[in-house]
C-alpha atoms as a PDB file:
ATOM      1  CA  UNK A   1     -59.161  74.487  22.728  1.00  0.00           C
ATOM      2  CA  UNK A   2     -61.774  72.582  23.656  1.00  0.00           C
ATOM      3  CA  UNK A   3     -62.673  71.807  19.647  1.00  0.00           C
ATOM      4  CA  UNK A   4     -59.062  71.130  19.561  1.00  0.00           C
ATOM      5  CA  UNK A   5     -59.014  68.587  22.000  1.00  0.00           C
ATOM      6  CA  UNK A   6     -62.172  66.787  21.023  1.00  0.00           C
ATOM      7  CA  UNK A   7     -61.104  66.689  17.534  1.00  0.00           C
ATOM      8  CA  UNK A   8     -57.526  65.308  19.062  1.00  0.00           C
ATOM      9  CA  UNK A   9     -58.699  62.170  21.586  1.00  0.00           C
ATOM     10  CA  UNK A  10     -62.760  62.893  21.335  1.00  0.00           C
ATOM     11  CA  UNK A  11     -65.259  63.892  23.935  1.00  0.00           C
ATOM     12  CA  UNK A  12     -65.283  61.423  26.466  1.00  0.00           C
ATOM     13  CA  UNK A  13     -61.420  63.039  26.826  1.00  0.00           C
ATOM     14  CA  UNK A  14     -62.464  65.935  27.286  1.00  0.00           C
ATOM     15  CA  UNK A  15     -64.954  65.302  29.456  1.00  0.00           C
ATOM     16  CA  UNK A  16     -62.584  63.840  31.938  1.00  0.00           C
ATOM     17  CA  UNK A  17     -59.874  66.185  31.387  1.00  0.00           C
ATOM     18  CA  UNK A  18     -62.047  69.539  32.268  1.00  0.00           C
ATOM     19  CA  UNK A  19     -62.905  68.115  35.318  1.00  0.00           C
ATOM     20  CA  UNK A  20     -58.929  68.446  36.638  1.00  0.00           C
ATOM     21  CA  UNK A  21     -57.935  71.666  34.665  1.00  0.00           C
ATOM     22  CA  UNK A  22     -59.500  74.520  32.850  1.00  0.00           C
ATOM     23  CA  UNK A  23     -58.981  74.305  29.325  1.00  0.00           C
ATOM     24  CA  UNK A  24     -59.559  77.842  28.319  1.00  0.00           C
ATOM     25  CA  UNK A  25     -57.414  79.169  31.144  1.00  0.00           C
ATOM     26  CA  UNK A  26     -53.794  80.084  29.480  1.00  0.00           C
ATOM     27  CA  UNK A  27     -51.515  78.714  32.714  1.00  0.00           C
ATOM     28  CA  UNK A  28     -53.074  75.518  31.577  1.00  0.00           C
ATOM     29  CA  UNK A  29     -50.938  73.814  28.981  1.00  0.00           C
ATOM     30  CA  UNK A  30     -52.245  71.461  26.345  1.00  0.00           C
ATOM     31  CA  UNK A  31     -50.066  69.233  24.073  1.00  0.00           C
ATOM     32  CA  UNK A  32     -49.570  66.089  21.839  1.00  0.00           C
ATOM     33  CA  UNK A  33     -46.363  65.226  21.909  1.00  0.00           C
ATOM     34  CA  UNK A  34     -43.908  62.518  22.411  1.00  0.00           C
ATOM     35  CA  UNK A  35     -40.864  64.795  22.630  1.00  0.00           C
ATOM     36  CA  UNK A  36     -39.498  66.319  25.741  1.00  0.00           C
ATOM     37  CA  UNK A  37     -37.691  69.338  24.110  1.00  0.00           C
ATOM     38  CA  UNK A  38     -41.190  70.531  23.538  1.00  0.00           C
ATOM     39  CA  UNK A  39     -41.647  70.418  27.333  1.00  0.00           C
ATOM     40  CA  UNK A  40     -38.500  71.609  28.141  1.00  0.00           C
ATOM     41  CA  UNK A  41     -39.109  74.514  25.375  1.00  0.00           C
ATOM     42  CA  UNK A  42     -41.925  76.062  28.015  1.00  0.00           C
ATOM     43  CA  UNK A  43     -41.379  78.394  30.461  1.00  0.00           C
ATOM     44  CA  UNK A  44     -41.026  77.098  33.903  1.00  0.00           C
ATOM     45  CA  UNK A  45     -43.723  78.059  36.907  1.00  0.00           C
ATOM     46  CA  UNK A  46     -45.819  79.074  34.684  1.00  0.00           C
ATOM     47  CA  UNK A  47     -48.396  76.553  34.643  1.00  0.00           C
ATOM     48  CA  UNK A  48     -51.067  74.678  36.812  1.00  0.00           C
ATOM     49  CA  UNK A  49     -51.304  71.684  34.624  1.00  0.00           C
ATOM     50  CA  UNK A  50     -49.854  69.889  31.861  1.00  0.00           C
ATOM     51  CA  UNK A  51     -51.870  67.485  29.724  1.00  0.00           C
ATOM     52  CA  UNK A  52     -50.937  65.424  26.775  1.00  0.00           C
ATOM     53  CA  UNK A  53     -52.829  63.969  24.698  1.00  0.00           C
ATOM     54  CA  UNK A  54     -50.675  61.741  23.002  1.00  0.00           C
ATOM     55  CA  UNK A  55     -50.250  58.330  24.922  1.00  0.00           C
ATOM     56  CA  UNK A  56     -46.578  57.284  26.351  1.00  0.00           C
ATOM     57  CA  UNK A  57     -45.965  54.072  24.224  1.00  0.00           C
ATOM     58  CA  UNK A  58     -45.172  56.115  22.077  1.00  0.00           C
ATOM     59  CA  UNK A  59     -42.704  58.428  24.164  1.00  0.00           C
ATOM     60  CA  UNK A  60     -38.538  56.807  23.640  1.00  0.00           C
ATOM     61  CA  UNK A  61     -37.472  58.529  27.142  1.00  0.00           C
ATOM     62  CA  UNK A  62     -40.418  57.984  28.817  1.00  0.00           C
ATOM     63  CA  UNK A  63     -38.674  59.339  32.585  1.00  0.00           C
ATOM     64  CA  UNK A  64     -36.746  61.777  30.658  1.00  0.00           C
ATOM     65  CA  UNK A  65     -40.392  63.224  29.326  1.00  0.00           C
ATOM     66  CA  UNK A  66     -41.700  62.654  33.288  1.00  0.00           C
ATOM     67  CA  UNK A  67     -38.822  64.606  34.218  1.00  0.00           C
ATOM     68  CA  UNK A  68     -39.276  67.296  32.391  1.00  0.00           C
ATOM     69  CA  UNK A  69     -43.118  67.983  32.816  1.00  0.00           C
ATOM     70  CA  UNK A  70     -41.910  67.728  36.748  1.00  0.00           C
ATOM     71  CA  UNK A  71     -39.228  70.814  36.030  1.00  0.00           C
ATOM     72  CA  UNK A  72     -42.125  72.991  34.490  1.00  0.00           C
ATOM     73  CA  UNK A  73     -44.453  72.496  37.696  1.00  0.00           C
ATOM     74  CA  UNK A  74     -44.976  73.891  41.289  1.00  0.00           C
ATOM     75  CA  UNK A  75     -45.224  71.852  43.929  1.00  0.00           C
ATOM     76  CA  UNK A  76     -48.906  70.528  43.907  1.00  0.00           C
ATOM     77  CA  UNK A  77     -49.427  71.113  39.955  1.00  0.00           C
ATOM     78  CA  UNK A  78     -51.418  68.485  37.991  1.00  0.00           C
ATOM     79  CA  UNK A  79     -49.941  66.151  35.065  1.00  0.00           C
ATOM     80  CA  UNK A  80     -52.509  64.588  32.868  1.00  0.00           C
ATOM     81  CA  UNK A  81     -51.994  61.823  30.432  1.00  0.00           C
ATOM     82  CA  UNK A  82     -52.406  58.575  29.184  1.00  0.00           C
ATOM     83  CA  UNK A  83     -51.319  54.721  28.450  1.00  0.00           C
ATOM     84  CA  UNK A  84     -51.982  51.810  26.530  1.00  0.00           C
ATOM     85  CA  UNK A  85     -51.350  49.149  29.094  1.00  0.00           C
ATOM     86  CA  UNK A  86     -50.281  45.816  28.229  1.00  0.00           C
ATOM     87  CA  UNK A  87     -53.707  44.271  29.574  1.00  0.00           C
ATOM     88  CA  UNK A  88     -55.358  46.784  27.599  1.00  0.00           C
ATOM     89  CA  UNK A  89     -53.330  45.862  24.271  1.00  0.00           C
ATOM     90  CA  UNK A  90     -53.783  42.084  24.728  1.00  0.00           C
ATOM     91  CA  UNK A  91     -57.775  42.675  25.067  1.00  0.00           C
ATOM     92  CA  UNK A  92     -57.452  44.634  21.658  1.00  0.00           C
ATOM     93  CA  UNK A  93     -55.245  42.371  19.769  1.00  0.00           C
ATOM     94  CA  UNK A  94     -57.420  39.395  20.726  1.00  0.00           C
ATOM     95  CA  UNK A  95     -60.850  40.773  19.972  1.00  0.00           C
ATOM     96  CA  UNK A  96     -59.310  42.587  16.292  1.00  0.00           C
ATOM     97  CA  UNK A  97     -58.024  38.856  14.635  1.00  0.00           C
ATOM     98  CA  UNK A  98     -59.769  35.538  14.627  1.00  0.00           C
ATOM     99  CA  UNK A  99     -59.405  32.825  17.007  1.00  0.00           C
ATOM    100  CA  UNK A 100     -55.785  30.769  17.200  1.00  0.00           C
ATOM    101  CA  UNK A 101     -54.549  33.645  14.723  1.00  0.00           C
ATOM    102  CA  UNK A 102     -55.163  36.753  17.519  1.00  0.00           C
ATOM    103  CA  UNK A 103     -52.876  34.160  19.686  1.00  0.00           C
ATOM    104  CA  UNK A 104     -49.858  33.910  17.427  1.00  0.00           C
ATOM    105  CA  UNK A 105     -50.083  37.260  16.639  1.00  0.00           C
ATOM    106  CA  UNK A 106     -50.558  38.622  20.429  1.00  0.00           C
ATOM    107  CA  UNK A 107     -47.058  36.354  21.156  1.00  0.00           C
ATOM    108  CA  UNK A 108     -44.627  37.697  18.881  1.00  0.00           C
ATOM    109  CA  UNK A 109     -46.262  41.609  19.465  1.00  0.00           C
ATOM    110  CA  UNK A 110     -45.597  40.774  23.230  1.00  0.00           C
ATOM    111  CA  UNK A 111     -42.115  39.459  22.455  1.00  0.00           C
ATOM    112  CA  UNK A 112     -41.065  41.977  19.872  1.00  0.00           C
ATOM    113  CA  UNK A 113     -42.241  45.065  22.211  1.00  0.00           C
ATOM    114  CA  UNK A 114     -42.164  44.098  25.472  1.00  0.00           C
ATOM    115  CA  UNK A 115     -38.857  41.286  25.824  1.00  0.00           C
ATOM    116  CA  UNK A 116     -37.170  42.890  23.344  1.00  0.00           C
ATOM    117  CA  UNK A 117     -36.915  46.282  24.975  1.00  0.00           C
ATOM    118  CA  UNK A 118     -35.907  45.422  28.318  1.00  0.00           C
ATOM    119  CA  UNK A 119     -33.065  42.596  26.813  1.00  0.00           C
ATOM    120  CA  UNK A 120     -29.134  44.522  27.073  1.00  0.00           C
ATOM    121  CA  UNK A 121     -28.670  42.356  23.792  1.00  0.00           C
ATOM    122  CA  UNK A 122     -31.425  43.779  22.029  1.00  0.00           C
ATOM    123  CA  UNK A 123     -32.721  46.649  23.840  1.00  0.00           C
ATOM    124  CA  UNK A 124     -30.127  49.212  21.464  1.00  0.00           C
ATOM    125  CA  UNK A 125     -31.450  47.167  18.408  1.00  0.00           C
ATOM    126  CA  UNK A 126     -35.072  47.822  19.414  1.00  0.00           C
ATOM    127  CA  UNK A 127     -34.805  51.704  19.700  1.00  0.00           C
ATOM    128  CA  UNK A 128     -32.960  52.177  17.046  1.00  0.00           C
ATOM    129  CA  UNK A 129     -35.228  50.862  14.156  1.00  0.00           C
ATOM    130  CA  UNK A 130     -38.712  51.892  16.266  1.00  0.00           C
ATOM    131  CA  UNK A 131     -37.201  54.980  18.096  1.00  0.00           C
ATOM    132  CA  UNK A 132     -39.516  53.457  21.011  1.00  0.00           C
ATOM    133  CA  UNK A 133     -42.740  53.938  18.973  1.00  0.00           C
ATOM    134  CA  UNK A 134     -45.979  51.550  19.920  1.00  0.00           C
ATOM    135  CA  UNK A 135     -43.951  50.311  22.896  1.00  0.00           C
ATOM    136  CA  UNK A 136     -45.976  47.407  25.251  1.00  0.00           C
ATOM    137  CA  UNK A 137     -45.748  48.691  29.049  1.00  0.00           C
ATOM    138  CA  UNK A 138     -48.283  47.788  32.081  1.00  0.00           C
ATOM    139  CA  UNK A 139     -49.686  49.874  34.255  1.00  0.00           C
ATOM    140  CA  UNK A 140     -47.628  49.460  37.187  1.00  0.00           C
ATOM    141  CA  UNK A 141     -44.002  50.577  35.800  1.00  0.00           C
ATOM    142  CA  UNK A 142     -46.470  53.459  34.427  1.00  0.00           C
ATOM    143  CA  UNK A 143     -47.441  54.543  37.778  1.00  0.00           C
ATOM    144  CA  UNK A 144     -44.013  53.535  39.267  1.00  0.00           C
ATOM    145  CA  UNK A 145     -41.848  55.759  36.886  1.00  0.00           C
ATOM    146  CA  UNK A 146     -44.459  58.528  37.631  1.00  0.00           C
ATOM    147  CA  UNK A 147     -43.575  58.207  41.587  1.00  0.00           C
ATOM    148  CA  UNK A 148     -40.268  57.832  40.788  1.00  0.00           C
ATOM    149  CA  UNK A 149     -39.945  61.471  38.578  1.00  0.00           C
ATOM    150  CA  UNK A 150     -41.917  62.903  41.960  1.00  0.00           C
ATOM    151  CA  UNK A 151     -45.986  63.110  41.426  1.00  0.00           C
ATOM    152  CA  UNK A 152     -48.362  61.030  42.963  1.00  0.00           C
ATOM    153  CA  UNK A 153     -52.020  59.606  41.900  1.00  0.00           C
ATOM    154  CA  UNK A 154     -55.074  61.495  41.852  1.00  0.00           C
ATOM    155  CA  UNK A 155     -57.350  59.840  39.290  1.00  0.00           C
ATOM    156  CA  UNK A 156     -57.424  57.357  36.772  1.00  0.00           C
ATOM    157  CA  UNK A 157     -60.490  56.357  34.064  1.00  0.00           C
ATOM    158  CA  UNK A 158     -60.291  53.915  31.127  1.00  0.00           C
ATOM    159  CA  UNK A 159     -61.564  55.715  27.906  1.00  0.00           C
ATOM    160  CA  UNK A 160     -61.227  54.760  24.319  1.00  0.00           C
ATOM    161  CA  UNK A 161     -58.693  51.215  25.093  1.00  0.00           C
ATOM    162  CA  UNK A 162     -56.397  53.820  26.930  1.00  0.00           C
ATOM    163  CA  UNK A 163     -55.839  54.279  31.016  1.00  0.00           C
ATOM    164  CA  UNK A 164     -56.001  58.322  31.228  1.00  0.00           C
ATOM    165  CA  UNK A 165     -54.335  59.158  34.710  1.00  0.00           C
ATOM    166  CA  UNK A 166     -53.886  62.442  36.644  1.00  0.00           C
ATOM    167  CA  UNK A 167     -51.002  63.087  38.872  1.00  0.00           C
ATOM    168  CA  UNK A 168     -49.715  65.794  40.914  1.00  0.00           C
ATOM    169  CA  UNK A 169     -46.079  66.950  41.636  1.00  0.00           C
ATOM    170  CA  UNK A 170     -45.267  66.290  45.419  1.00  0.00           C
ATOM    171  CA  UNK A 171     -41.313  66.501  45.009  1.00  0.00           C
ATOM    172  CA  UNK A 172     -38.587  66.397  42.572  1.00  0.00           C
ATOM    173  CA  UNK A 173     -37.627  63.553  40.591  1.00  0.00           C
ATOM    174  CA  UNK A 174     -34.876  60.729  41.838  1.00  0.00           C
ATOM    175  CA  UNK A 175     -33.309  60.417  38.732  1.00  0.00           C
ATOM    176  CA  UNK A 176     -33.497  56.456  39.203  1.00  0.00           C
ATOM    177  CA  UNK A 177     -30.333  55.953  36.553  1.00  0.00           C
ATOM    178  CA  UNK A 178     -30.630  52.256  37.597  1.00  0.00           C
ATOM    179  CA  UNK A 179     -34.284  50.751  37.977  1.00  0.00           C
ATOM    180  CA  UNK A 180     -34.404  46.860  38.411  1.00  0.00           C
ATOM    181  CA  UNK A 181     -35.509  45.860  34.872  1.00  0.00           C
ATOM    182  CA  UNK A 182     -33.794  42.524  34.636  1.00  0.00           C
ATOM    183  CA  UNK A 183     -34.362  39.049  36.047  1.00  0.00           C
ATOM    184  CA  UNK A 184     -32.045  39.043  38.795  1.00  0.00           C
ATOM    185  CA  UNK A 185     -32.586  42.291  40.977  1.00  0.00           C
ATOM    186  CA  UNK A 186     -31.071  43.896  43.994  1.00  0.00           C
ATOM    187  CA  UNK A 187     -33.476  45.569  46.504  1.00  0.00           C
ATOM    188  CA  UNK A 188     -32.866  48.152  48.999  1.00  0.00           C
ATOM    189  CA  UNK A 189     -33.791  46.327  52.640  1.00  0.00           C
ATOM    190  CA  UNK A 190     -33.488  47.459  56.258  1.00  0.00           C
ATOM    191  CA  UNK A 191     -30.235  45.176  57.610  1.00  0.00           C
ATOM    192  CA  UNK A 192     -28.459  44.923  60.838  1.00  0.00           C
ATOM    193  CA  UNK A 193     -28.061  48.383  62.961  1.00  0.00           C
ATOM    194  CA  UNK A 194     -30.187  50.230  60.237  1.00  0.00           C
ATOM    195  CA  UNK A 195     -28.013  49.665  57.264  1.00  0.00           C
ATOM    196  CA  UNK A 196     -29.189  49.380  53.906  1.00  0.00           C
ATOM    197  CA  UNK A 197     -28.344  46.339  52.469  1.00  0.00           C
ATOM    198  CA  UNK A 198     -29.106  45.193  48.772  1.00  0.00           C
ATOM    199  CA  UNK A 199     -30.878  41.653  48.646  1.00  0.00           C
ATOM    200  CA  UNK A 200     -30.992  39.626  45.980  1.00  0.00           C
ATOM    201  CA  UNK A 201     -34.309  38.184  44.098  1.00  0.00           C
ATOM    202  CA  UNK A 202     -35.619  36.773  40.673  1.00  0.00           C
ATOM    203  CA  UNK A 203     -38.043  39.746  39.081  1.00  0.00           C
ATOM    204  CA  UNK A 204     -41.958  39.096  39.993  1.00  0.00           C
ATOM    205  CA  UNK A 205     -42.820  42.388  39.522  1.00  0.00           C
ATOM    206  CA  UNK A 206     -43.060  44.826  36.737  1.00  0.00           C
ATOM    207  CA  UNK A 207     -40.395  47.517  36.721  1.00  0.00           C
ATOM    208  CA  UNK A 208     -40.380  50.626  38.776  1.00  0.00           C
ATOM    209  CA  UNK A 209     -42.777  48.371  41.357  1.00  0.00           C
ATOM    210  CA  UNK A 210     -40.870  49.120  43.999  1.00  0.00           C
ATOM    211  CA  UNK A 211     -41.635  53.215  43.535  1.00  0.00           C
ATOM    212  CA  UNK A 212     -45.573  51.785  44.506  1.00  0.00           C
ATOM    213  CA  UNK A 213     -45.484  50.533  48.607  1.00  0.00           C
ATOM    214  CA  UNK A 214     -47.162  53.646  49.503  1.00  0.00           C
ATOM    215  CA  UNK A 215     -49.958  53.650  46.697  1.00  0.00           C
ATOM    216  CA  UNK A 216     -50.493  49.459  46.966  1.00  0.00           C
ATOM    217  CA  UNK A 217     -50.931  50.260  51.184  1.00  0.00           C
ATOM    218  CA  UNK A 218     -53.616  53.541  50.290  1.00  0.00           C
ATOM    219  CA  UNK A 219     -55.493  51.650  47.526  1.00  0.00           C
ATOM    220  CA  UNK A 220     -55.518  47.992  48.697  1.00  0.00           C
ATOM    221  CA  UNK A 221     -54.212  47.733  52.611  1.00  0.00           C
ATOM    222  CA  UNK A 222     -52.911  44.647  53.654  1.00  0.00           C
ATOM    223  CA  UNK A 223     -54.102  40.668  53.237  1.00  0.00           C
ATOM    224  CA  UNK A 224     -53.677  37.803  55.701  1.00  0.00           C
ATOM    225  CA  UNK A 225     -50.076  37.157  55.971  1.00  0.00           C
ATOM    226  CA  UNK A 226     -48.900  40.487  55.246  1.00  0.00           C
ATOM    227  CA  UNK A 227     -48.831  41.023  51.768  1.00  0.00           C
ATOM    228  CA  UNK A 228     -51.253  43.657  49.541  1.00  0.00           C
ATOM    229  CA  UNK A 229     -54.545  42.737  48.514  1.00  0.00           C
ATOM    230  CA  UNK A 230     -54.758  42.835  44.572  1.00  0.00           C
ATOM    231  CA  UNK A 231     -51.233  43.420  44.059  1.00  0.00           C
ATOM    232  CA  UNK A 232     -51.113  44.517  40.358  1.00  0.00           C
ATOM    233  CA  UNK A 233     -47.182  44.968  40.515  1.00  0.00           C
ATOM    234  CA  UNK A 234     -47.005  41.056  40.618  1.00  0.00           C
ATOM    235  CA  UNK A 235     -46.481  39.971  37.309  1.00  0.00           C
ATOM    236  CA  UNK A 236     -48.045  36.455  35.675  1.00  0.00           C
ATOM    237  CA  UNK A 237     -44.535  34.295  35.745  1.00  0.00           C
ATOM    238  CA  UNK A 238     -43.982  36.046  39.528  1.00  0.00           C
ATOM    239  CA  UNK A 239     -47.414  34.932  40.923  1.00  0.00           C
ATOM    240  CA  UNK A 240     -45.801  31.136  39.628  1.00  0.00           C
ATOM    241  CA  UNK A 241     -42.373  31.813  40.959  1.00  0.00           C
ATOM    242  CA  UNK A 242     -43.679  33.026  44.152  1.00  0.00           C
ATOM    243  CA  UNK A 243     -45.989  29.890  44.747  1.00  0.00           C
ATOM    244  CA  UNK A 244     -42.455  28.091  44.589  1.00  0.00           C
ATOM    245  CA  UNK A 245     -40.277  29.949  46.195  1.00  0.00           C
ATOM    246  CA  UNK A 246     -38.551  30.260  43.026  1.00  0.00           C
ATOM    247  CA  UNK A 247     -38.021  33.885  43.519  1.00  0.00           C
ATOM    248  CA  UNK A 248     -35.825  33.696  46.845  1.00  0.00           C
ATOM    249  CA  UNK A 249     -33.475  31.439  45.562  1.00  0.00           C
ATOM    250  CA  UNK A 250     -30.732  34.390  45.094  1.00  0.00           C
ATOM    251  CA  UNK A 251     -30.810  35.551  48.638  1.00  0.00           C
ATOM    252  CA  UNK A 252     -28.516  32.896  49.415  1.00  0.00           C
ATOM    253  CA  UNK A 253     -26.041  34.920  47.633  1.00  0.00           C
ATOM    254  CA  UNK A 254     -26.886  37.710  50.585  1.00  0.00           C
ATOM    255  CA  UNK A 255     -26.190  34.046  53.329  1.00  0.00           C
ATOM    256  CA  UNK A 256     -23.094  33.877  52.388  1.00  0.00           C
ATOM    257  CA  UNK A 257     -22.073  37.622  52.042  1.00  0.00           C
ATOM    258  CA  UNK A 258     -23.108  37.448  55.556  1.00  0.00           C
ATOM    259  CA  UNK A 259     -25.617  40.607  55.396  1.00  0.00           C
ATOM    260  CA  UNK A 260     -28.970  38.132  56.196  1.00  0.00           C
ATOM    261  CA  UNK A 261     -28.822  34.884  58.386  1.00  0.00           C
ATOM    262  CA  UNK A 262     -30.730  31.626  57.630  1.00  0.00           C
ATOM    263  CA  UNK A 263     -33.372  32.487  60.359  1.00  0.00           C
ATOM    264  CA  UNK A 264     -34.803  35.547  61.357  1.00  0.00           C
ATOM    265  CA  UNK A 265     -37.337  38.306  60.411  1.00  0.00           C
ATOM    266  CA  UNK A 266     -37.832  39.191  57.194  1.00  0.00           C
ATOM    267  CA  UNK A 267     -35.512  42.049  55.518  1.00  0.00           C
ATOM    268  CA  UNK A 268     -38.122  45.252  54.676  1.00  0.00           C
ATOM    269  CA  UNK A 269     -38.439  47.850  52.603  1.00  0.00           C
ATOM    270  CA  UNK A 270     -38.271  51.163  53.707  1.00  0.00           C
ATOM    271  CA  UNK A 271     -42.308  51.617  53.038  1.00  0.00           C
ATOM    272  CA  UNK A 272     -43.111  48.685  54.771  1.00  0.00           C
ATOM    273  CA  UNK A 273     -40.751  49.673  58.005  1.00  0.00           C
ATOM    274  CA  UNK A 274     -42.450  52.474  58.398  1.00  0.00           C
ATOM    275  CA  UNK A 275     -45.460  50.344  58.930  1.00  0.00           C
ATOM    276  CA  UNK A 276     -44.130  48.531  62.083  1.00  0.00           C
ATOM    277  CA  UNK A 277     -44.123  49.979  65.934  1.00  0.00           C
ATOM    278  CA  UNK A 278     -41.469  51.706  67.357  1.00  0.00           C
ATOM    279  CA  UNK A 279     -40.092  49.584  69.892  1.00  0.00           C
ATOM    280  CA  UNK A 280     -40.487  46.573  67.128  1.00  0.00           C
ATOM    281  CA  UNK A 281     -38.253  48.628  64.913  1.00  0.00           C
ATOM    282  CA  UNK A 282     -35.402  49.350  67.358  1.00  0.00           C
ATOM    283  CA  UNK A 283     -35.714  45.525  68.226  1.00  0.00           C
ATOM    284  CA  UNK A 284     -35.200  44.486  64.654  1.00  0.00           C
ATOM    285  CA  UNK A 285     -32.587  46.683  63.853  1.00  0.00           C
ATOM    286  CA  UNK A 286     -30.349  45.039  66.965  1.00  0.00           C
ATOM    287  CA  UNK A 287     -29.971  41.928  64.515  1.00  0.00           C
ATOM    288  CA  UNK A 288     -29.619  40.666  61.168  1.00  0.00           C
ATOM    289  CA  UNK A 289     -32.458  39.561  59.212  1.00  0.00           C
ATOM    290  CA  UNK A 290     -33.151  35.947  57.650  1.00  0.00           C
ATOM    291  CA  UNK A 291     -33.819  33.964  54.860  1.00  0.00           C
ATOM    292  CA  UNK A 292     -36.261  32.021  56.511  1.00  0.00           C
ATOM    293  CA  UNK A 293     -38.613  34.106  58.995  1.00  0.00           C
ATOM    294  CA  UNK A 294     -40.597  33.463  62.141  1.00  0.00           C
ATOM    295  CA  UNK A 295     -43.931  33.615  59.674  1.00  0.00           C
ATOM    296  CA  UNK A 296     -43.210  30.107  59.099  1.00  0.00           C
ATOM    297  CA  UNK A 297     -43.838  28.829  62.639  1.00  0.00           C
ATOM    298  CA  UNK A 298     -46.823  30.969  64.147  1.00  0.00           C
ATOM    299  CA  UNK A 299     -48.121  31.551  60.697  1.00  0.00           C
ATOM    300  CA  UNK A 300     -50.142  35.208  61.448  1.00  0.00           C
ATOM    301  CA  UNK A 301     -52.923  36.075  59.625  1.00  0.00           C
ATOM    302  CA  UNK A 302     -53.081  39.854  60.632  1.00  0.00           C
ATOM    303  CA  UNK A 303     -50.171  42.135  60.349  1.00  0.00           C
ATOM    304  CA  UNK A 304     -50.909  42.759  63.782  1.00  0.00           C
ATOM    305  CA  UNK A 305     -50.274  39.188  64.661  1.00  0.00           C
ATOM    306  CA  UNK A 306     -46.944  39.504  62.394  1.00  0.00           C
ATOM    307  CA  UNK A 307     -45.345  41.607  64.261  1.00  0.00           C
ATOM    308  CA  UNK A 308     -46.578  39.832  67.588  1.00  0.00           C
ATOM    309  CA  UNK A 309     -44.623  36.799  66.438  1.00  0.00           C
ATOM    310  CA  UNK A 310     -41.873  38.876  65.401  1.00  0.00           C
ATOM    311  CA  UNK A 311     -41.214  40.601  68.958  1.00  0.00           C
ATOM    312  CA  UNK A 312     -41.931  36.608  70.511  1.00  0.00           C
ATOM    313  CA  UNK A 313     -39.146  35.697  68.150  1.00  0.00           C
ATOM    314  CA  UNK A 314     -36.650  38.618  68.718  1.00  0.00           C
ATOM    315  CA  UNK A 315     -36.873  38.308  72.631  1.00  0.00           C
ATOM    316  CA  UNK A 316     -36.590  34.295  72.501  1.00  0.00           C
ATOM    317  CA  UNK A 317     -33.590  35.282  70.263  1.00  0.00           C
ATOM    318  CA  UNK A 318     -32.079  38.189  72.843  1.00  0.00           C
ATOM    319  CA  UNK A 319     -32.038  35.371  75.400  1.00  0.00           C
ATOM    320  CA  UNK A 320     -31.042  32.089  73.703  1.00  0.00           C
ATOM    321  CA  UNK A 321     -29.597  33.501  69.870  1.00  0.00           C
ATOM    322  CA  UNK A 322     -28.777  29.248  68.942  1.00  0.00           C
ATOM    323  CA  UNK A 323     -31.129  27.622  70.391  1.00  0.00           C
ATOM    324  CA  UNK A 324     -34.115  29.939  69.620  1.00  0.00           C
ATOM    325  CA  UNK A 325     -32.852  29.856  65.447  1.00  0.00           C
ATOM    326  CA  UNK A 326     -32.420  25.900  66.151  1.00  0.00           C
ATOM    327  CA  UNK A 327     -36.171  25.489  67.660  1.00  0.00           C
ATOM    328  CA  UNK A 328     -37.749  28.076  65.271  1.00  0.00           C
ATOM    329  CA  UNK A 329     -36.110  26.415  61.760  1.00  0.00           C
ATOM    330  CA  UNK A 330     -37.427  23.068  62.539  1.00  0.00           C
ATOM    331  CA  UNK A 331     -40.905  24.664  63.205  1.00  0.00           C
ATOM    332  CA  UNK A 332     -40.985  26.296  60.172  1.00  0.00           C
ATOM    333  CA  UNK A 333     -39.543  23.534  58.209  1.00  0.00           C
ATOM    334  CA  UNK A 334     -42.261  21.330  59.690  1.00  0.00           C
ATOM    335  CA  UNK A 335     -45.067  23.986  58.374  1.00  0.00           C
ATOM    336  CA  UNK A 336     -43.816  23.892  54.789  1.00  0.00           C
ATOM    337  CA  UNK A 337     -43.230  20.564  54.313  1.00  0.00           C
ATOM    338  CA  UNK A 338     -46.453  18.696  55.993  1.00  0.00           C
ATOM    339  CA  UNK A 339     -48.831  21.690  56.505  1.00  0.00           C
ATOM    340  CA  UNK A 340     -47.491  23.364  52.990  1.00  0.00           C
ATOM    341  CA  UNK A 341     -47.813  26.857  54.806  1.00  0.00           C
ATOM    342  CA  UNK A 342     -46.926  29.201  52.138  1.00  0.00           C
ATOM    343  CA  UNK A 343     -46.627  33.075  53.006  1.00  0.00           C
ATOM    344  CA  UNK A 344     -48.271  34.068  49.422  1.00  0.00           C
END
């Protein structure tokens, strides 16, 4: 088995894999496949680890493949695989071809193999001709898919222009049949009385990024302003959109629907909401969240300061709702327009 792995992927890959699995132990499965059939054909609960030496860029139904692996592993079982991320692919293409020509090639490669597979109109045509081979996929989407399929991160390493990752099974897959792929997305957020509402925004993150909040928090923690530091989920266009609040324009749909008000605390995801103190959680759920948050009034820098800012606002709102929102809104307006306040 050692010789086969080295022949297929190289000695560096073998050395990395052997840190997490015994290659000679028959309770560890090694495959080099892009077909979920070759995984589904294996007995369940017979393997402690499953290692696939083929990169996921060539797998047509990536989630179905991950779900098949999940079904064959026990809780705590290890899954090892690899991907050529779009950043690694970009670096490879720009290095391979001469200047100018390399950027032209990269543009068409990115358009054909990154954009077209995600557009509803062209998606079926693309997969009909390519069968999903050599697709461009980001690290964030890869890890997001793994988390959605019931896995949790253990380790990663860049080898031979591929990202090798080690994940463990922690639960059954979420079976997400409606991932946030399009430009306009609907994010599940806590509304009044704890009701989950769908907040409309323009996409600024890679697909499946919503599954990575715990991963990002554990790896990087929070920066000033309550955002995640070094958040690799945000794409290049998304950074520009966030800078000018373009991504938040669709939230006016929620304003018209009545599940958001003009001023109020941010509508939070479950992962972010769970970071809050119990008493603040209770206060937040009493009222509708808002489009413009208290952040732009107090400009807090730490997570604790953010919570203190929201507590002050909610206590004031509890006594004088209209007057509080009117006062806070104009203070926020002044800070945004004249002090150029940003939440990043």
